[in-house]
Amino acid sequence: MAAHPNSRFCTPASQCPIIDPAWESSEGVPIEAIMFGGRRPKGVPLVYESFNWQHGVFLGAAMRSEATAAAEHAGKVIMHDPFAMRPFFGYNFGHYLSHWLSMERRPNVKLPKVFHVNWFRKSSEGKFLWPGFGENARVLDWIFRRINKEDCATESPIGFIPKPGALNLDGLKEKVDMEELFSLPKDFWSKEVDAVKKYFDEQVNDDLPEEVASELEQLKKRVAHM
């Protein structure tokens, strides 16, 4: 009998030899970065960073991805997948967004940076532009440097992306078309804005926090000037 397409093979986390000793601390542990990710064969760059916390919540809310076996869709259609966990939301999504936004108002809070990654962008020939697997550590390296306030990013209409040459490609066996990997086609992003607005209007409606609606409107304006 074959395994289910969405099966998982698990082992106790305590068996991980490099796990942080405080991983079960009742006080919690500091979180310095949150990474969202989806399967986007077109238009979405390898990695980008939110402008701030509110924009980061919007990135999570606006996520779209090719359907997987964890969702109810069949085939490789692009579906709305907020926070990469749409099938698992347990309560009103608008209230969920408000909860995330409220973190910024907590006293003495040190909010993590928010990033979006996409290992699955393809070329016009249908081939993956990024080798993935262990090479993804190169993206993590850039994220760590951003957390440490290194000036290795440049502003784009959708967020901060690596400056040219900022990703460490030393020793990479295959040539990567970095220009195509980080290109932002205006037509693609115009359609993305429309699709996200339609989703918010139909699925969240009056429960959509004003802050998230504002982020979408700001993205629309930035894309119009691309």
Protein backbone atom coordinates (compact mmCIF):
# COMPACT_ATOMS: atom_id res chain seq x y z
CA MET A 1 0.00 0.00 0.00
CA ALA A 2 1.41 3.40 -0.98
CA ALA A 3 1.67 6.29 1.49
CA HIS A 4 -0.88 9.09 1.33
CA PRO A 5 0.43 12.05 -0.77
CA ASN A 6 0.34 14.22 2.36
CA SER A 7 1.69 11.65 4.81
CA ARG A 8 4.30 12.62 7.39
CA PHE A 9 7.04 10.57 8.98
CA CYS A 10 7.72 11.89 12.48
CA THR A 11 10.20 11.41 15.29
CA PRO A 12 10.34 13.05 18.74
CA ALA A 13 11.91 16.52 18.56
CA SER A 14 13.90 15.68 21.71
CA GLN A 15 16.01 13.33 19.59
CA CYS A 16 17.40 16.22 17.52
CA PRO A 17 21.08 16.50 18.56
CA ILE A 18 21.30 20.29 17.94
CA ILE A 19 17.95 21.40 19.39
CA ASP A 20 18.11 24.45 21.68
CA PRO A 21 18.21 23.42 25.35
CA ALA A 22 15.44 25.95 26.07
CA TRP A 23 13.08 24.62 23.40
CA GLU A 24 10.47 23.63 25.99
CA SER A 25 11.01 26.59 28.31
CA SER A 26 7.78 27.76 29.95
CA GLU A 27 9.00 31.34 29.41
CA GLY A 28 9.17 30.83 25.67
CA VAL A 29 12.14 31.64 23.45
CA PRO A 30 12.94 34.78 21.42
CA ILE A 31 11.78 34.69 17.79
CA GLU A 32 13.90 36.85 15.50
CA ALA A 33 12.38 35.93 12.13
CA ILE A 34 9.23 34.46 10.65
CA MET A 35 9.43 32.90 7.19
CA PHE A 36 6.38 32.38 5.03
CA GLY A 37 6.69 30.34 1.86
CA GLY A 38 4.63 29.09 -1.01
CA ARG A 39 5.05 27.32 -4.34
CA ARG A 40 4.95 30.08 -6.97
CA PRO A 41 6.28 29.09 -10.40
CA LYS A 42 5.99 32.65 -11.71
CA GLY A 43 6.51 36.24 -10.60
CA VAL A 44 7.46 35.82 -6.93
CA PRO A 45 11.18 36.24 -6.11
CA LEU A 46 13.36 33.82 -4.17
CA VAL A 47 13.19 35.86 -0.96
CA TYR A 48 11.97 39.24 0.21
CA GLU A 49 11.54 40.99 3.55
CA SER A 50 8.54 42.95 4.76
CA PHE A 51 8.86 46.71 5.30
CA ASN A 52 7.59 46.39 8.89
CA TRP A 53 5.39 44.22 11.12
CA GLN A 54 2.07 45.39 9.66
CA HIS A 55 3.33 44.77 6.14
CA GLY A 56 4.57 41.36 7.31
CA VAL A 57 1.08 40.42 8.52
CA PHE A 58 -0.23 41.47 5.11
CA LEU A 59 2.35 39.21 3.40
CA GLY A 60 1.04 36.28 5.40
CA ALA A 61 -2.58 37.17 4.70
CA ALA A 62 -2.00 37.59 0.97
CA MET A 63 -0.08 34.37 0.37
CA ARG A 64 -0.97 32.25 -2.62
CA SER A 65 0.51 28.89 -3.59
CA GLU A 66 0.17 25.90 -5.85
CA ALA A 67 -2.24 23.47 -4.24
CA THR A 68 -0.77 20.56 -2.27
CA ALA A 69 -2.27 17.36 -0.91
CA ALA A 70 -2.93 19.16 2.38
CA ALA A 71 -5.60 21.27 0.67
CA GLU A 72 -8.80 20.22 -0.98
CA HIS A 73 -7.87 21.42 -4.48
CA ALA A 74 -6.77 19.00 -7.17
CA GLY A 75 -3.98 19.71 -9.60
CA LYS A 76 -1.47 22.55 -9.70
CA VAL A 77 -3.84 25.49 -9.43
CA ILE A 78 -2.77 28.65 -7.60
CA MET A 79 -4.87 28.88 -4.45
CA HIS A 80 -5.10 31.45 -1.69
CA ASP A 81 -3.20 30.06 1.27
CA PRO A 82 -2.91 32.68 4.03
CA PHE A 83 -0.01 32.05 6.39
CA ALA A 84 0.47 28.73 4.52
CA MET A 85 -2.23 27.20 6.74
CA ARG A 86 -5.61 28.04 5.22
CA PRO A 87 -7.03 24.50 5.65
CA PHE A 88 -6.27 24.69 9.37
CA PHE A 89 -7.79 28.01 10.47
CA GLY A 90 -10.01 27.38 13.47
CA TYR A 91 -11.80 30.73 13.76
CA ASN A 92 -12.72 33.98 11.98
CA PHE A 93 -9.81 34.90 9.70
CA GLY A 94 -10.33 38.65 10.18
CA HIS A 95 -10.02 38.19 13.95
CA TYR A 96 -6.93 36.06 13.36
CA LEU A 97 -5.33 38.95 11.46
CA SER A 98 -6.29 41.40 14.20
CA HIS A 99 -4.56 39.15 16.74
CA TRP A 100 -1.33 39.18 14.73
CA LEU A 101 -1.53 42.96 14.33
CA SER A 102 -2.09 43.40 18.07
CA MET A 103 1.38 42.01 18.82
CA GLU A 104 2.83 45.37 17.83
CA ARG A 105 0.93 47.07 20.66
CA ARG A 106 2.31 44.88 23.44
CA PRO A 107 4.63 46.67 25.89
CA ASN A 108 8.37 46.24 25.42
CA VAL A 109 7.82 43.92 22.48
CA LYS A 110 10.67 43.07 20.10
CA LEU A 111 8.97 41.92 16.95
CA PRO A 112 10.60 39.47 14.56
CA LYS A 113 11.35 40.37 10.97
CA VAL A 114 9.03 38.76 8.42
CA PHE A 115 10.28 37.15 5.20
CA HIS A 116 8.68 35.39 2.24
CA VAL A 117 10.58 32.64 0.42
CA ASN A 118 9.83 30.88 -2.84
CA TRP A 119 12.10 27.98 -3.82
CA PHE A 120 9.91 27.01 -6.79
CA ARG A 121 10.10 29.77 -9.40
CA LYS A 122 10.56 28.45 -12.92
CA SER A 123 12.06 29.78 -16.13
CA SER A 124 10.10 30.27 -19.34
CA GLU A 125 11.34 26.76 -20.27
CA GLY A 126 9.68 25.32 -17.16
CA LYS A 127 12.92 24.62 -15.27
CA PHE A 128 13.49 25.61 -11.64
CA LEU A 129 15.58 28.79 -11.39
CA TRP A 130 16.98 27.93 -7.94
CA PRO A 131 18.61 24.58 -7.07
CA GLY A 132 16.89 24.38 -3.66
CA PHE A 133 17.54 21.69 -1.03
CA GLY A 134 20.78 22.42 0.89
CA GLU A 135 21.45 25.52 -1.20
CA ASN A 136 18.53 27.19 0.59
CA ALA A 137 21.00 27.79 3.44
CA ARG A 138 22.36 30.63 1.29
CA VAL A 139 19.01 32.40 1.66
CA LEU A 140 19.00 31.72 5.41
CA ASP A 141 22.46 33.31 5.56
CA TRP A 142 21.05 36.50 4.01
CA ILE A 143 18.11 36.45 6.43
CA PHE A 144 20.47 36.11 9.42
CA ARG A 145 22.49 39.05 8.13
CA ARG A 146 19.35 41.15 7.81
CA ILE A 147 18.43 40.27 11.40
CA ASN A 148 21.89 41.53 12.37
CA LYS A 149 21.10 44.82 10.60
CA GLU A 150 23.51 44.31 7.71
CA ASP A 151 22.96 46.71 4.80
CA CYS A 152 22.51 43.97 2.19
CA ALA A 153 18.98 44.72 0.92
CA THR A 154 17.39 47.11 -1.50
CA GLU A 155 13.81 48.36 -1.55
CA SER A 156 11.38 47.05 -4.17
CA PRO A 157 7.62 47.56 -4.65
CA ILE A 158 6.88 44.34 -2.73
CA GLY A 159 9.49 44.54 0.06
CA PHE A 160 13.24 44.43 0.61
CA ILE A 161 15.16 42.10 -1.70
CA PRO A 162 18.87 41.22 -1.65
CA LYS A 163 21.21 43.77 -3.17
CA PRO A 164 23.06 42.55 -6.27
CA GLY A 165 25.78 40.22 -5.06
CA ALA A 166 24.38 40.05 -1.51
CA LEU A 167 23.48 36.36 -1.74
CA ASN A 168 26.57 34.21 -1.23
CA LEU A 169 26.81 32.02 -4.34
CA ASP A 170 30.40 30.84 -3.75
CA GLY A 171 30.80 27.19 -4.67
CA LEU A 172 27.38 26.90 -6.30
CA LYS A 173 27.73 24.20 -8.94
CA GLU A 174 25.15 25.50 -11.39
CA LYS A 175 24.71 28.98 -12.82
CA VAL A 176 21.67 30.84 -11.50
CA ASP A 177 19.94 33.60 -13.45
CA MET A 178 19.63 36.02 -10.54
CA GLU A 179 18.05 38.72 -12.69
CA GLU A 180 15.15 36.47 -13.68
CA LEU A 181 14.94 34.96 -10.18
CA PHE A 182 14.30 38.41 -8.67
CA SER A 183 12.42 40.05 -11.54
CA LEU A 184 9.03 41.59 -10.71
CA PRO A 185 6.79 41.61 -13.80
CA LYS A 186 4.31 44.46 -13.52
CA ASP A 187 1.52 42.54 -15.25
CA PHE A 188 1.94 39.62 -12.85
CA TRP A 189 1.81 41.80 -9.76
CA SER A 190 -1.17 43.80 -11.05
CA LYS A 191 -3.10 40.54 -11.38
CA GLU A 192 -1.82 39.44 -7.96
CA VAL A 193 -3.24 42.58 -6.35
CA ASP A 194 -6.61 42.01 -8.05
CA ALA A 195 -6.71 38.36 -6.96
CA VAL A 196 -5.88 39.18 -3.34
CA LYS A 197 -8.49 41.96 -3.26
CA LYS A 198 -11.12 39.59 -4.63
CA TYR A 199 -10.23 37.01 -1.99
CA PHE A 200 -10.39 39.54 0.84
CA ASP A 201 -13.72 40.92 -0.43
CA GLU A 202 -15.33 37.51 -0.79
CA GLN A 203 -13.83 35.61 2.15
CA VAL A 204 -13.10 38.23 4.84
CA ASN A 205 -15.29 41.17 3.86
CA ASP A 206 -16.15 43.52 6.75
CA ASP A 207 -13.92 41.57 9.15
CA LEU A 208 -10.77 42.57 7.24
CA PRO A 209 -8.69 44.85 9.49
CA GLU A 210 -8.20 48.35 8.10
CA GLU A 211 -4.44 47.95 8.42
CA VAL A 212 -4.44 44.99 6.02
CA ALA A 213 -6.73 46.76 3.55
CA SER A 214 -4.37 49.74 3.67
CA GLU A 215 -1.36 47.54 2.91
CA LEU A 216 -3.12 46.14 -0.14
CA GLU A 217 -3.95 49.64 -1.38
CA GLN A 218 -0.35 50.75 -0.89
CA LEU A 219 0.91 47.71 -2.82
CA LYS A 220 -1.49 48.54 -5.62
CA LYS A 221 -0.06 52.08 -5.85
CA ARG A 222 3.54 50.86 -5.81
CA VAL A 223 2.83 48.29 -8.53
CA ALA A 224 1.16 50.98 -10.66
CA HIS A 225 4.42 52.92 -10.61
CA MET A 226 6.62 49.95 -11.57
